[in-house]
Amino acid sequence: MRITERFRAGVFLPVVLLLLLYSASFLPAAATSDEVIPAEVYVIPLREDVDRYLGVFLGRSLETAKKAEAELIIIEIDTFGGRVDTALEIASKIGAASWARTVAYVPADNGGRGVSWSAGALMAFSASEIWMTPGTSMGAAAPVYQTAEGMEAAGEKTVSAVRGQIAALAEKNGYPVAVALAMVDMDVVLKEVYVNDVVSLATAADIEEMERKGEEFELGKTVCDSGKLLTLTAGEMEKYGVSSGTVSTREELIASFGFTLEDTVVLEKSRADSLITFLTSGAVTSILILAGLVALYLEITSPGFGIPGTIALVCFAVVFGISGLIGNLGPAEILMFVTGVVLLLLEIFIIPGFGIAGIAGFLLILGSFVFSQQDFYWPEFDWQWTIAWRNIGIVGISIIGGIFSIGVIMAALPRAGLFDRLVLHGQGDPGYAGKNKHRKGEKISGAAPETSSDKVSEPFPPGSIGTAITDLRPVGKVKIENRTVVAETDGEYYDKGTQVVVLRIDGVKVVVSAREE
């Protein structure tokens, strides 16, 4: 059975998309970088929930500061938290910026919330110093995940991983490890310990070690009891030796390092950054996938390559392209998507019925979308399961919405004649916009004019004879009584030129079969 023009057009779509996506996956992180301005101090504000794109923004900003040969990097952290994977990525990038002095600063000005909680605390401990503003706080960094009943604490495996990471960061940068642990683990108990009138916080294990060594100390109050997470105010952070100091404004912080505002560049998100942040939201991703799937269906079921195919290309290119910029898209996801589309095309145009190829294609497309939204394939930790189920939900809603939309379109287009706008018409077709050569009321001699319509204004009686003018796979166009209409079979595939007979009219559908000689 030969491959139809529609199949070739359908194959062309994923091939073009493959080239676009493969190029997008290798776009540099600095594709929308800010202008490099020589300055001693660079301020990078992270004043929002920790989302997928925030790590890309920070990495690009650090590269800009490095090119400017900045000596001091101030990371302004004002967040309730967010994605654990992005927080770990940000912490790694800040820790790798050994070419400059890094300072985590929790501000309370400019309408900020004045908190560095959850993932924000993890990011702060990755800097070489922590400074805070009066009225701000830091802590409550235990990983949690969303359930049907609300937020719940993550399992021991996840807590252990985050606990180990924040302890390593605290140890590397000279912060009290006990404080970092108590912010993550509710089993950690912290008490005040006074040595030579200097107060610090210690765990039960730390106190036992001090007693074993014979050190002289006095115990104070219990700051964090079992079953609670540690959160410290700006004053407490300085009191217990966690932060380097407390300042009222950014200008005061910069001055404490011997610089002025004239020596400072503040990086803000560009319009492109804001657009990408918007496009990476779950709602927008779901809408793009839904629109792309519906447009892909319309392209497959219509002649040639036109508006629906272009819309599908744009939607899928945005979804996968953004994932490529973030670093979640690889050759595997691209290959899965293209293979899935090809299998669906084979199922629709070549293989009768809907079987293994169609199901496999559907699952591959589903998997490509899910995996492109995350940087892992199989979840290992609770927070990864949360992300995976969220992505499955986004894609699932898109597919369910797409199926519903396609059903509505299939029912509405024949009645509304909307599909006529998506295809070219010949001169004899009703949609042709050429000049009418006949005056009103003038009798036209010769054969009856041929008409074309996607709806059946005057139903053909069963037994009417016609000819397929396109392949029926199983939907196509047939000419009956000098009228061109959309018809379909009961699942059989017929080539162009096959003589057909009308079996019945189901509402607006003309059902035909091959005419028996």
Foldseek 3Di string as FASTA:
>chain_A
DDFFQLLVQLLVLLVVLLVLLVVLLPDALLPVADDQDQFQEEEEEPQEEQDLCPLSSLLSSLVSCVVSQHAEYEYEDFYQYHALVSLVSLLVSQLPSPSHQYEYEQADPPPTPQEQEASSQLSRLSGLAYEYAAPHKYALNADWFADPVGIDGWDPVVLVVSLVSSLVSCVVNVAPSLLSNLRHALQWWWWWKADPNQIAIDTPVRVVVCVVVVGDIDIDGTQHHHPDGDMGGNVVCVSRVGHPYYDHDPQVVQVVVPDGVVSYDYDDDDPVSVVLVVCLDLVNLLVLLLLLLLLSVLSSPDPDGFDSSVSNSVSVSSLSSSLSSSNQDDPQLSVLQSQLSSLCSCDLQPNFDADDSNVSSVVSNLQSQLSSSDNDRDDDTPSSVSSSVSSNVSSVVSVVSNVVVNVVCVVPCQVVVVVVVTDDDDPLEPPDDDDDPDDPPDDDDDDDGAYEGQFCPDDDDFFFKWFFQAKPSQWGWIATPSYIYIAGEPRDIDGGGFMWTFHDCDPGHTYIDGDDD
